[in-house]
PDB file of N, CA and C in Angstrom:
ATOM      1  N   MET A   1       0.670  -1.010  -0.033  1.00  0.00           N
ATOM      2  CA  MET A   1       0.070  -0.061  -0.089  1.00  0.00           C
ATOM      3  C   MET A   1       1.148   1.506   0.075  1.00  0.00           C
ATOM      4  N   ALA A   2       1.900   1.380   0.604  1.00  0.00           N
ATOM      5  CA  ALA A   2       2.587   2.916   0.662  1.00  0.00           C
ATOM      6  C   ALA A   2       3.522   3.336  -0.547  1.00  0.00           C
ATOM      7  N   THR A   3       3.160   1.792  -1.760  1.00  0.00           N
ATOM      8  CA  THR A   3       3.956   2.109  -2.562  1.00  0.00           C
ATOM      9  C   THR A   3       3.286   2.644  -3.683  1.00  0.00           C
ATOM     10  N   ASP A   4       1.700   2.195  -3.433  1.00  0.00           N
ATOM     11  CA  ASP A   4       1.302   2.980  -3.817  1.00  0.00           C
ATOM     12  C   ASP A   4       0.739   4.784  -3.698  1.00  0.00           C
ATOM     13  N   ASP A   5       0.757   4.761  -2.325  1.00  0.00           N
ATOM     14  CA  ASP A   5       0.654   6.328  -1.996  1.00  0.00           C
ATOM     15  C   ASP A   5       1.885   6.904  -2.697  1.00  0.00           C
ATOM     16  N   SER A   6       2.766   6.332  -1.731  1.00  0.00           N
ATOM     17  CA  SER A   6       3.908   6.851  -2.771  1.00  0.00           C
ATOM     18  C   SER A   6       4.057   7.345  -4.749  1.00  0.00           C
ATOM     19  N   GLY A   7       3.121   6.256  -5.174  1.00  0.00           N
ATOM     20  CA  GLY A   7       2.810   7.049  -6.789  1.00  0.00           C
ATOM     21  C   GLY A   7       2.520   7.502  -7.158  1.00  0.00           C
ATOM     22  N   LEU A   8       1.032   7.327  -6.225  1.00  0.00           N
ATOM     23  CA  LEU A   8       0.421   8.247  -6.716  1.00  0.00           C
ATOM     24  C   LEU A   8       0.935  10.029  -6.442  1.00  0.00           C
ATOM     25  N   GLU A   9       1.121  10.049  -4.924  1.00  0.00           N
ATOM     26  CA  GLU A   9       2.380  11.637  -4.927  1.00  0.00           C
ATOM     27  C   GLU A   9       2.692  11.574  -5.983  1.00  0.00           C
ATOM     28  N   ALA A  10       4.018  10.765  -6.561  1.00  0.00           N
ATOM     29  CA  ALA A  10       4.807  10.939  -7.308  1.00  0.00           C
ATOM     30  C   ALA A  10       3.839  12.072  -9.131  1.00  0.00           C
ATOM     31  N   THR A  11       2.827  10.850  -9.132  1.00  0.00           N
ATOM     32  CA  THR A  11       2.433  11.645 -10.003  1.00  0.00           C
ATOM     33  C   THR A  11       1.732  12.351 -10.122  1.00  0.00           C
ATOM     34  N   ASN A  12       0.687  12.766  -8.408  1.00  0.00           N
ATOM     35  CA  ASN A  12       0.337  13.827  -8.257  1.00  0.00           C
ATOM     36  C   ASN A  12       1.227  15.168  -8.811  1.00  0.00           C
ATOM     37  N   LYS A  13       2.462  15.031  -8.050  1.00  0.00           N
ATOM     38  CA  LYS A  13       3.321  16.425  -8.270  1.00  0.00           C
ATOM     39  C   LYS A  13       3.560  16.863  -9.466  1.00  0.00           C
ATOM     40  N   SER A  14       3.532  15.298 -10.376  1.00  0.00           N
ATOM     41  CA  SER A  14       4.343  15.318 -11.892  1.00  0.00           C
ATOM     42  C   SER A  14       3.080  16.582 -12.756  1.00  0.00           C
ATOM     43  N   VAL A  15       2.034  15.936 -12.330  1.00  0.00           N
ATOM     44  CA  VAL A  15       0.697  16.708 -13.086  1.00  0.00           C
ATOM     45  C   VAL A  15       0.986  18.168 -12.263  1.00  0.00           C
ATOM     46  N   ALA A  16       1.036  18.228 -11.045  1.00  0.00           N
ATOM     47  CA  ALA A  16       1.205  19.838 -10.714  1.00  0.00           C
ATOM     48  C   ALA A  16       2.331  20.683 -11.468  1.00  0.00           C
ATOM     49  N   GLU A  17       3.682  20.009 -11.874  1.00  0.00           N
ATOM     50  CA  GLU A  17       4.747  20.842 -12.168  1.00  0.00           C
ATOM     51  C   GLU A  17       4.468  20.840 -14.087  1.00  0.00           C
ATOM     52  N   ILE A  18       4.173  19.824 -14.047  1.00  0.00           N
ATOM     53  CA  ILE A  18       2.673  20.400 -16.024  1.00  0.00           C
ATOM     54  C   ILE A  18       1.892  21.593 -15.789  1.00  0.00           C
ATOM     55  N   ILE A  19       1.128  21.460 -15.325  1.00  0.00           N
ATOM     56  CA  ILE A  19       0.287  22.163 -15.059  1.00  0.00           C
ATOM     57  C   ILE A  19       1.195  23.668 -14.898  1.00  0.00           C
ATOM     58  N   SER A  20       1.946  23.726 -14.002  1.00  0.00           N
ATOM     59  CA  SER A  20       2.338  25.106 -13.375  1.00  0.00           C
ATOM     60  C   SER A  20       3.257  25.765 -14.219  1.00  0.00           C
ATOM     61  N   GLN A  21       3.954  24.271 -14.963  1.00  0.00           N
ATOM     62  CA  GLN A  21       4.426  25.199 -16.590  1.00  0.00           C
ATOM     63  C   GLN A  21       4.158  25.131 -17.726  1.00  0.00           C
ATOM     64  N   GLU A  22       2.874  24.731 -17.709  1.00  0.00           N
ATOM     65  CA  GLU A  22       2.166  25.754 -19.192  1.00  0.00           C
ATOM     66  C   GLU A  22       1.668  26.704 -18.489  1.00  0.00           C
ATOM     67  N   GLN A  23       1.246  27.397 -17.310  1.00  0.00           N
ATOM     68  CA  GLN A  23       0.638  28.232 -17.128  1.00  0.00           C
ATOM     69  C   GLN A  23       1.846  29.318 -16.934  1.00  0.00           C
ATOM     70  N   MET A  24       3.089  28.942 -16.780  1.00  0.00           N
ATOM     71  CA  MET A  24       4.133  29.861 -17.083  1.00  0.00           C
ATOM     72  C   MET A  24       4.423  30.279 -18.330  1.00  0.00           C
ATOM     73  N   ASP A  25       4.445  29.010 -19.261  1.00  0.00           N
ATOM     74  CA  ASP A  25       4.516  29.129 -20.631  1.00  0.00           C
ATOM     75  C   ASP A  25       3.758  30.270 -20.821  1.00  0.00           C
ATOM     76  N   ILE A  26       2.525  29.731 -20.952  1.00  0.00           N
ATOM     77  CA  ILE A  26       1.484  30.940 -21.319  1.00  0.00           C
ATOM     78  C   ILE A  26       1.877  32.512 -20.179  1.00  0.00           C
ATOM     79  N   LEU A  27       2.183  32.630 -19.071  1.00  0.00           N
ATOM     80  CA  LEU A  27       2.170  34.346 -19.172  1.00  0.00           C
ATOM     81  C   LEU A  27       3.549  34.324 -19.848  1.00  0.00           C
ATOM     82  N   ARG A  28       4.478  33.552 -19.599  1.00  0.00           N
ATOM     83  CA  ARG A  28       6.033  34.192 -21.068  1.00  0.00           C
ATOM     84  C   ARG A  28       5.303  34.758 -22.427  1.00  0.00           C
ATOM     85  N   SER A  29       4.647  33.475 -22.851  1.00  0.00           N
ATOM     86  CA  SER A  29       3.919  34.375 -24.086  1.00  0.00           C
ATOM     87  C   SER A  29       3.133  35.581 -23.768  1.00  0.00           C
ATOM     88  N   ALA A  30       2.695  35.821 -22.888  1.00  0.00           N
ATOM     89  CA  ALA A  30       1.494  36.896 -22.912  1.00  0.00           C
ATOM     90  C   ALA A  30       2.588  38.553 -23.417  1.00  0.00           C
ATOM     91  N   GLY A  31       3.983  37.840 -22.312  1.00  0.00           N
ATOM     92  CA  GLY A  31       4.754  38.940 -21.979  1.00  0.00           C
ATOM     93  C   GLY A  31       5.260  39.758 -23.721  1.00  0.00           C
ATOM     94  N   LYS A  32       4.918  38.420 -24.432  1.00  0.00           N
ATOM     95  CA  LYS A  32       6.064  38.965 -26.072  1.00  0.00           C
ATOM     96  C   LYS A  32       4.011  39.124 -26.678  1.00  0.00           C
ATOM     97  N   GLU A  33       3.132  38.777 -27.158  1.00  0.00           N
ATOM     98  CA  GLU A  33       1.702  39.853 -27.776  1.00  0.00           C
ATOM     99  C   GLU A  33       1.431  40.709 -27.461  1.00  0.00           C
ATOM    100  N   ASN A  34       1.435  41.560 -28.328  1.00  0.00           N
ATOM    101  CA  ASN A  34       0.908  42.838 -28.070  1.00  0.00           C
ATOM    102  C   ASN A  34      -0.335  43.130 -27.603  1.00  0.00           C
ATOM    103  N   VAL A  35      -0.640  44.570 -27.307  1.00  0.00           N
ATOM    104  CA  VAL A  35      -1.686  44.950 -26.355  1.00  0.00           C
ATOM    105  C   VAL A  35      -3.172  44.530 -27.003  1.00  0.00           C
ATOM    106  N   TRP A  36      -3.243  44.417 -27.776  1.00  0.00           N
ATOM    107  CA  TRP A  36      -5.137  43.910 -28.454  1.00  0.00           C
ATOM    108  C   TRP A  36      -4.939  42.474 -28.346  1.00  0.00           C
ATOM    109  N   VAL A  37      -3.833  41.707 -28.543  1.00  0.00           N
ATOM    110  CA  VAL A  37      -3.966  40.591 -28.420  1.00  0.00           C
ATOM    111  C   VAL A  37      -4.520  39.919 -26.681  1.00  0.00           C
ATOM    112  N   ARG A  38      -3.246  40.770 -25.803  1.00  0.00           N
ATOM    113  CA  ARG A  38      -3.558  40.420 -24.517  1.00  0.00           C
ATOM    114  C   ARG A  38      -5.373  41.179 -24.077  1.00  0.00           C
ATOM    115  N   LEU A  39      -5.406  41.672 -24.525  1.00  0.00           N
ATOM    116  CA  LEU A  39      -7.331  42.519 -24.420  1.00  0.00           C
ATOM    117  C   LEU A  39      -8.419  41.739 -25.354  1.00  0.00           C
ATOM    118  N   MET A  40      -8.036  41.296 -25.867  1.00  0.00           N
ATOM    119  CA  MET A  40      -8.998  40.162 -26.772  1.00  0.00           C
ATOM    120  C   MET A  40      -8.560  38.648 -26.080  1.00  0.00           C
ATOM    121  N   THR A  41      -7.695  38.538 -26.139  1.00  0.00           N
ATOM    122  CA  THR A  41      -7.633  37.130 -24.886  1.00  0.00           C
ATOM    123  C   THR A  41      -8.185  37.233 -23.992  1.00  0.00           C
ATOM    124  N   TYR A  42      -7.962  38.177 -22.570  1.00  0.00           N
ATOM    125  CA  TYR A  42      -8.672  38.688 -21.570  1.00  0.00           C
ATOM    126  C   TYR A  42     -10.687  38.430 -21.631  1.00  0.00           C
ATOM    127  N   LEU A  43     -10.967  39.490 -22.929  1.00  0.00           N
ATOM    128  CA  LEU A  43     -12.090  39.178 -23.413  1.00  0.00           C
ATOM    129  C   LEU A  43     -12.637  38.046 -23.992  1.00  0.00           C
ATOM    130  N   GLY A  44     -11.537  36.848 -23.935  1.00  0.00           N
ATOM    131  CA  GLY A  44     -12.370  35.574 -24.797  1.00  0.00           C
ATOM    132  C   GLY A  44     -12.855  35.298 -25.897  1.00  0.00           C
ATOM    133  N   TRP A  45     -12.018  35.939 -26.449  1.00  0.00           N
ATOM    134  CA  TRP A  45     -11.721  36.009 -27.564  1.00  0.00           C
ATOM    135  C   TRP A  45     -11.371  34.568 -28.501  1.00  0.00           C
ATOM    136  N   TYR A  46     -10.341  35.172 -28.002  1.00  0.00           N
ATOM    137  CA  TYR A  46      -8.932  33.703 -28.290  1.00  0.00           C
ATOM    138  C   TYR A  46      -8.845  32.653 -27.110  1.00  0.00           C
ATOM    139  N   PRO A  47      -8.922  31.253 -26.994  1.00  0.00           N
ATOM    140  CA  PRO A  47      -9.209  30.900 -25.843  1.00  0.00           C
ATOM    141  C   PRO A  47      -7.484  31.814 -25.952  1.00  0.00           C
ATOM    142  N   GLN A  48      -7.488  30.657 -23.985  1.00  0.00           N
ATOM    143  CA  GLN A  48      -5.808  30.800 -22.836  1.00  0.00           C
ATOM    144  C   GLN A  48      -4.523  30.265 -23.810  1.00  0.00           C
ATOM    145  N   THR A  49      -5.195  28.972 -24.474  1.00  0.00           N
ATOM    146  CA  THR A  49      -4.159  27.954 -25.050  1.00  0.00           C
ATOM    147  C   THR A  49      -3.009  28.012 -26.045  1.00  0.00           C
ATOM    148  N   MET A  50      -4.017  28.821 -26.530  1.00  0.00           N
ATOM    149  CA  MET A  50      -3.544  29.306 -28.310  1.00  0.00           C
ATOM    150  C   MET A  50      -2.655  29.637 -27.730  1.00  0.00           C
ATOM    151  N   SER A  51      -1.645  29.716 -29.554  1.00  0.00           N
ATOM    152  CA  SER A  51       0.032  29.708 -28.837  1.00  0.00           C
ATOM    153  C   SER A  51      -0.534  31.773 -29.963  1.00  0.00           C
ATOM    154  N   THR A  52       0.895  31.971 -29.582  1.00  0.00           N
ATOM    155  CA  THR A  52       1.258  33.711 -29.962  1.00  0.00           C
ATOM    156  C   THR A  52       0.873  33.818 -31.392  1.00  0.00           C
ATOM    157  N   GLU A  53       1.512  33.306 -32.262  1.00  0.00           N
ATOM    158  CA  GLU A  53       1.719  33.330 -33.387  1.00  0.00           C
ATOM    159  C   GLU A  53       0.647  33.526 -33.798  1.00  0.00           C
ATOM    160  N   GLU A  54      -0.457  31.832 -33.158  1.00  0.00           N
ATOM    161  CA  GLU A  54      -1.935  31.724 -33.855  1.00  0.00           C
ATOM    162  C   GLU A  54      -3.018  32.662 -33.750  1.00  0.00           C
ATOM    163  N   LYS A  55      -2.778  33.416 -32.528  1.00  0.00           N
ATOM    164  CA  LYS A  55      -3.181  34.499 -32.195  1.00  0.00           C
ATOM    165  C   LYS A  55      -3.382  35.619 -33.221  1.00  0.00           C
ATOM    166  N   SER A  56      -2.024  36.040 -33.464  1.00  0.00           N
ATOM    167  CA  SER A  56      -1.676  36.977 -34.663  1.00  0.00           C
ATOM    168  C   SER A  56      -2.080  36.456 -35.606  1.00  0.00           C
ATOM    169  N   LEU A  57      -1.807  35.429 -36.310  1.00  0.00           N
ATOM    170  CA  LEU A  57      -2.874  35.181 -37.562  1.00  0.00           C
ATOM    171  C   LEU A  57      -4.209  35.618 -37.319  1.00  0.00           C
ATOM    172  N   VAL A  58      -4.725  34.659 -36.198  1.00  0.00           N
ATOM    173  CA  VAL A  58      -6.053  34.828 -36.265  1.00  0.00           C
ATOM    174  C   VAL A  58      -6.804  36.708 -36.470  1.00  0.00           C
ATOM    175  N   LEU A  59      -6.051  37.256 -35.853  1.00  0.00           N
ATOM    176  CA  LEU A  59      -6.298  39.200 -35.419  1.00  0.00           C
ATOM    177  C   LEU A  59      -6.197  39.511 -36.452  1.00  0.00           C
ATOM    178  N   LYS A  60      -5.090  39.107 -38.078  1.00  0.00           N
ATOM    179  CA  LYS A  60      -4.625  39.437 -39.018  1.00  0.00           C
ATOM    180  C   LYS A  60      -5.640  39.103 -40.091  1.00  0.00           C
ATOM    181  N   LEU A  61      -5.973  38.015 -39.765  1.00  0.00           N
ATOM    182  CA  LEU A  61      -7.535  37.951 -41.133  1.00  0.00           C
ATOM    183  C   LEU A  61      -8.412  39.052 -40.532  1.00  0.00           C
ATOM    184  N   ASP A  62      -9.343  38.279 -38.775  1.00  0.00           N
ATOM    185  CA  ASP A  62     -10.590  39.457 -38.281  1.00  0.00           C
ATOM    186  C   ASP A  62     -10.198  40.694 -38.710  1.00  0.00           C
ATOM    187  N   LEU A  63      -8.880  41.148 -38.964  1.00  0.00           N
ATOM    188  CA  LEU A  63      -9.376  42.721 -39.199  1.00  0.00           C
ATOM    189  C   LEU A  63      -9.250  42.895 -40.505  1.00  0.00           C
ATOM    190  N   SER A  64      -8.657  41.836 -41.525  1.00  0.00           N
ATOM    191  CA  SER A  64      -8.771  41.942 -43.198  1.00  0.00           C
ATOM    192  C   SER A  64      -9.875  41.641 -43.327  1.00  0.00           C
ATOM    193  N   ILE A  65     -10.683  40.790 -42.787  1.00  0.00           N
ATOM    194  CA  ILE A  65     -12.262  40.566 -42.836  1.00  0.00           C
ATOM    195  C   ILE A  65     -13.147  42.250 -42.463  1.00  0.00           C
ATOM    196  N   LEU A  66     -12.927  42.357 -41.129  1.00  0.00           N
ATOM    197  CA  LEU A  66     -13.693  43.473 -41.006  1.00  0.00           C
ATOM    198  C   LEU A  66     -13.232  44.710 -41.952  1.00  0.00           C
ATOM    199  N   VAL A  67     -12.387  44.520 -42.357  1.00  0.00           N
ATOM    200  CA  VAL A  67     -11.590  46.320 -43.476  1.00  0.00           C
ATOM    201  C   VAL A  67     -12.435  45.789 -44.926  1.00  0.00           C
ATOM    202  N   PHE A  68     -12.653  44.983 -45.399  1.00  0.00           N
ATOM    203  CA  PHE A  68     -13.245  44.374 -46.234  1.00  0.00           C
ATOM    204  C   PHE A  68     -14.452  44.676 -46.161  1.00  0.00           C
ATOM    205  N   GLY A  69     -14.976  43.914 -44.817  1.00  0.00           N
ATOM    206  CA  GLY A  69     -17.149  44.187 -44.806  1.00  0.00           C
ATOM    207  C   GLY A  69     -17.168  45.981 -45.218  1.00  0.00           C
ATOM    208  N   CYS A  70     -16.726  46.159 -44.104  1.00  0.00           N
ATOM    209  CA  CYS A  70     -16.989  47.654 -44.434  1.00  0.00           C
ATOM    210  C   CYS A  70     -16.524  48.242 -45.334  1.00  0.00           C
ATOM    211  N   LEU A  71     -16.107  48.095 -46.452  1.00  0.00           N
ATOM    212  CA  LEU A  71     -15.204  48.322 -47.409  1.00  0.00           C
ATOM    213  C   LEU A  71     -16.854  48.732 -48.333  1.00  0.00           C
ATOM    214  N   SER A  72     -16.814  46.859 -48.579  1.00  0.00           N
ATOM    215  CA  SER A  72     -18.494  46.781 -49.171  1.00  0.00           C
ATOM    216  C   SER A  72     -19.527  46.916 -48.887  1.00  0.00           C
ATOM    217  N   PHE A  73     -20.484  46.998 -47.329  1.00  0.00           N
ATOM    218  CA  PHE A  73     -20.991  48.275 -46.693  1.00  0.00           C
ATOM    219  C   PHE A  73     -20.646  49.466 -47.391  1.00  0.00           C
ATOM    220  N   PHE A  74     -19.929  50.584 -47.280  1.00  0.00           N
ATOM    221  CA  PHE A  74     -20.484  51.480 -47.803  1.00  0.00           C
ATOM    222  C   PHE A  74     -19.861  51.689 -49.666  1.00  0.00           C
ATOM    223  N   THR A  75     -19.105  50.928 -49.694  1.00  0.00           N
ATOM    224  CA  THR A  75     -19.765  50.855 -51.300  1.00  0.00           C
ATOM    225  C   THR A  75     -20.825  50.930 -52.379  1.00  0.00           C
ATOM    226  N   LYS A  76     -22.045  49.832 -51.107  1.00  0.00           N
ATOM    227  CA  LYS A  76     -23.192  49.547 -51.455  1.00  0.00           C
ATOM    228  C   LYS A  76     -24.242  50.285 -50.640  1.00  0.00           C
ATOM    229  N   TYR A  77     -23.482  51.280 -50.051  1.00  0.00           N
ATOM    230  CA  TYR A  77     -24.530  52.491 -49.901  1.00  0.00           C
ATOM    231  C   TYR A  77     -24.488  53.724 -50.812  1.00  0.00           C
ATOM    232  N   LEU A  78     -23.275  53.571 -51.436  1.00  0.00           N
ATOM    233  CA  LEU A  78     -22.912  54.499 -52.745  1.00  0.00           C
ATOM    234  C   LEU A  78     -23.776  54.146 -53.293  1.00  0.00           C
ATOM    235  N   ASP A  79     -23.834  53.122 -53.978  1.00  0.00           N
ATOM    236  CA  ASP A  79     -24.199  52.569 -55.245  1.00  0.00           C
ATOM    237  C   ASP A  79     -26.184  52.993 -55.433  1.00  0.00           C
ATOM    238  N   GLN A  80     -26.600  52.272 -54.074  1.00  0.00           N
ATOM    239  CA  GLN A  80     -27.951  52.850 -53.769  1.00  0.00           C
ATOM    240  C   GLN A  80     -28.288  54.202 -53.658  1.00  0.00           C
ATOM    241  N   ALA A  81     -27.349  55.142 -52.892  1.00  0.00           N
ATOM    242  CA  ALA A  81     -27.757  56.263 -53.008  1.00  0.00           C
ATOM    243  C   ALA A  81     -27.798  56.988 -53.998  1.00  0.00           C
ATOM    244  N   SER A  82     -26.329  56.577 -55.486  1.00  0.00           N
ATOM    245  CA  SER A  82     -25.920  57.026 -56.367  1.00  0.00           C
ATOM    246  C   SER A  82     -27.841  56.322 -57.618  1.00  0.00           C
ATOM    247  N   ILE A  83     -28.534  55.147 -57.137  1.00  0.00           N
ATOM    248  CA  ILE A  83     -29.616  55.152 -57.897  1.00  0.00           C
ATOM    249  C   ILE A  83     -31.056  55.608 -57.668  1.00  0.00           C
ATOM    250  N   THR A  84     -30.643  55.823 -55.965  1.00  0.00           N
ATOM    251  CA  THR A  84     -32.152  56.784 -55.721  1.00  0.00           C
ATOM    252  C   THR A  84     -31.932  58.063 -56.366  1.00  0.00           C
ATOM    253  N   ASN A  85     -30.908  58.667 -55.403  1.00  0.00           N
ATOM    254  CA  ASN A  85     -30.763  60.325 -56.656  1.00  0.00           C
ATOM    255  C   ASN A  85     -31.388  60.557 -58.074  1.00  0.00           C
ATOM    256  N   ALA A  86     -30.083  58.948 -58.958  1.00  0.00           N
ATOM    257  CA  ALA A  86     -30.552  59.110 -60.588  1.00  0.00           C
ATOM    258  C   ALA A  86     -32.800  58.949 -60.275  1.00  0.00           C
ATOM    259  N   TYR A  87     -33.281  58.073 -59.795  1.00  0.00           N
ATOM    260  CA  TYR A  87     -34.826  58.034 -59.676  1.00  0.00           C
ATOM    261  C   TYR A  87     -34.781  59.263 -59.400  1.00  0.00           C
ATOM    262  N   VAL A  88     -35.106  59.669 -58.234  1.00  0.00           N
ATOM    263  CA  VAL A  88     -35.565  60.956 -57.645  1.00  0.00           C
ATOM    264  C   VAL A  88     -35.655  62.014 -59.077  1.00  0.00           C
ATOM    265  N   ARG A  89     -34.552  61.903 -59.231  1.00  0.00           N
ATOM    266  CA  ARG A  89     -34.068  62.620 -60.665  1.00  0.00           C
ATOM    267  C   ARG A  89     -35.588  63.334 -61.955  1.00  0.00           C
ATOM    268  N   LEU A  90     -34.844  61.462 -62.187  1.00  0.00           N
ATOM    269  CA  LEU A  90     -36.315  61.257 -63.552  1.00  0.00           C
ATOM    270  C   LEU A  90     -37.717  61.521 -63.317  1.00  0.00           C
ATOM    271  N   VAL A  91     -37.702  61.282 -61.955  1.00  0.00           N
ATOM    272  CA  VAL A  91     -39.504  61.430 -61.699  1.00  0.00           C
ATOM    273  C   VAL A  91     -39.530  63.114 -61.079  1.00  0.00           C
ATOM    274  N   VAL A  92     -38.715  63.836 -61.097  1.00  0.00           N
ATOM    275  CA  VAL A  92     -38.798  65.047 -60.802  1.00  0.00           C
ATOM    276  C   VAL A  92     -39.447  66.163 -62.164  1.00  0.00           C
ATOM    277  N   SER A  93     -38.341  65.586 -62.651  1.00  0.00           N
ATOM    278  CA  SER A  93     -38.548  65.955 -64.344  1.00  0.00           C
ATOM    279  C   SER A  93     -38.497  65.312 -65.540  1.00  0.00           C
ATOM    280  N   SER A  94     -39.426  65.313 -65.930  1.00  0.00           N
ATOM    281  CA  SER A  94     -40.557  64.174 -65.496  1.00  0.00           C
ATOM    282  C   SER A  94     -42.467  64.680 -65.478  1.00  0.00           C
ATOM    283  N   CYS A  95     -42.011  65.354 -63.613  1.00  0.00           N
ATOM    284  CA  CYS A  95     -43.173  65.934 -63.775  1.00  0.00           C
ATOM    285  C   CYS A  95     -43.589  66.914 -64.322  1.00  0.00           C
ATOM    286  N   ARG A  96     -42.188  67.839 -64.353  1.00  0.00           N
ATOM    287  CA  ARG A  96     -41.790  68.982 -65.270  1.00  0.00           C
ATOM    288  C   ARG A  96     -42.270  69.025 -66.503  1.00  0.00           C
ATOM    289  N   GLY A  97     -42.631  68.046 -67.204  1.00  0.00           N
ATOM    290  CA  GLY A  97     -42.626  68.054 -68.659  1.00  0.00           C
ATOM    291  C   GLY A  97     -41.381  67.962 -68.968  1.00  0.00           C
ATOM    292  N   ARG A  98     -39.979  67.742 -68.498  1.00  0.00           N
ATOM    293  CA  ARG A  98     -39.156  67.693 -70.033  1.00  0.00           C
ATOM    294  C   ARG A  98     -37.975  66.261 -69.680  1.00  0.00           C
ATOM    295  N   SER A  99     -36.631  66.522 -70.006  1.00  0.00           N
ATOM    296  CA  SER A  99     -36.231  65.263 -69.903  1.00  0.00           C
ATOM    297  C   SER A  99     -35.369  65.944 -68.846  1.00  0.00           C
ATOM    298  N   PRO A 100     -34.975  64.713 -68.377  1.00  0.00           N
ATOM    299  CA  PRO A 100     -33.703  64.581 -67.187  1.00  0.00           C
ATOM    300  C   PRO A 100     -32.539  65.700 -67.680  1.00  0.00           C
ATOM    301  N   ASN A 101     -32.167  65.862 -68.490  1.00  0.00           N
ATOM    302  CA  ASN A 101     -30.646  66.258 -69.545  1.00  0.00           C
ATOM    303  C   ASN A 101     -30.637  67.878 -69.800  1.00  0.00           C
ATOM    304  N   GLN A 102     -32.293  68.475 -70.049  1.00  0.00           N
ATOM    305  CA  GLN A 102     -32.417  69.779 -70.015  1.00  0.00           C
ATOM    306  C   GLN A 102     -32.240  70.311 -68.752  1.00  0.00           C
ATOM    307  N   LYS A 103     -31.627  71.142 -69.052  1.00  0.00           N
ATOM    308  CA  LYS A 103     -31.577  72.222 -67.573  1.00  0.00           C
ATOM    309  C   LYS A 103     -32.512  73.639 -67.722  1.00  0.00           C
ATOM    310  N   ARG A 104     -32.777  73.930 -66.823  1.00  0.00           N
ATOM    311  CA  ARG A 104     -34.065  75.255 -66.559  1.00  0.00           C
ATOM    312  C   ARG A 104     -33.786  75.486 -67.153  1.00  0.00           C
ATOM    313  N   SER A 105     -34.939  76.436 -67.997  1.00  0.00           N
ATOM    314  CA  SER A 105     -34.437  77.450 -68.775  1.00  0.00           C
ATOM    315  C   SER A 105     -35.628  79.001 -67.571  1.00  0.00           C
ATOM    316  N   ARG A 106     -34.785  80.209 -67.376  1.00  0.00           N
ATOM    317  CA  ARG A 106     -35.385  80.983 -66.905  1.00  0.00           C
ATOM    318  C   ARG A 106     -35.714  81.951 -67.164  1.00  0.00           C
TER     319      ARG A 106
END
């Protein structure tokens, strides 16, 4: 029985050493991360076990998708506003009885 207890203690000690070593690795890698990656890790966007290089890659991908989405939405809005403006101009000019390209005579 005594050998079983000592084996269990050795196993518990090695598990504790592994956990503390993993935590130390996470803390060391956190010092190398930029502020944005640390903030996003704190907020739960990235798991704490993810490597620093992988976090940087995911951050770059997220930002490029975000920029693409914002630019796409902006160009969609500009296109939609232009079409609406052209339609309103056509309706107003047709109500006045002239073609849209004619200038007003004073």
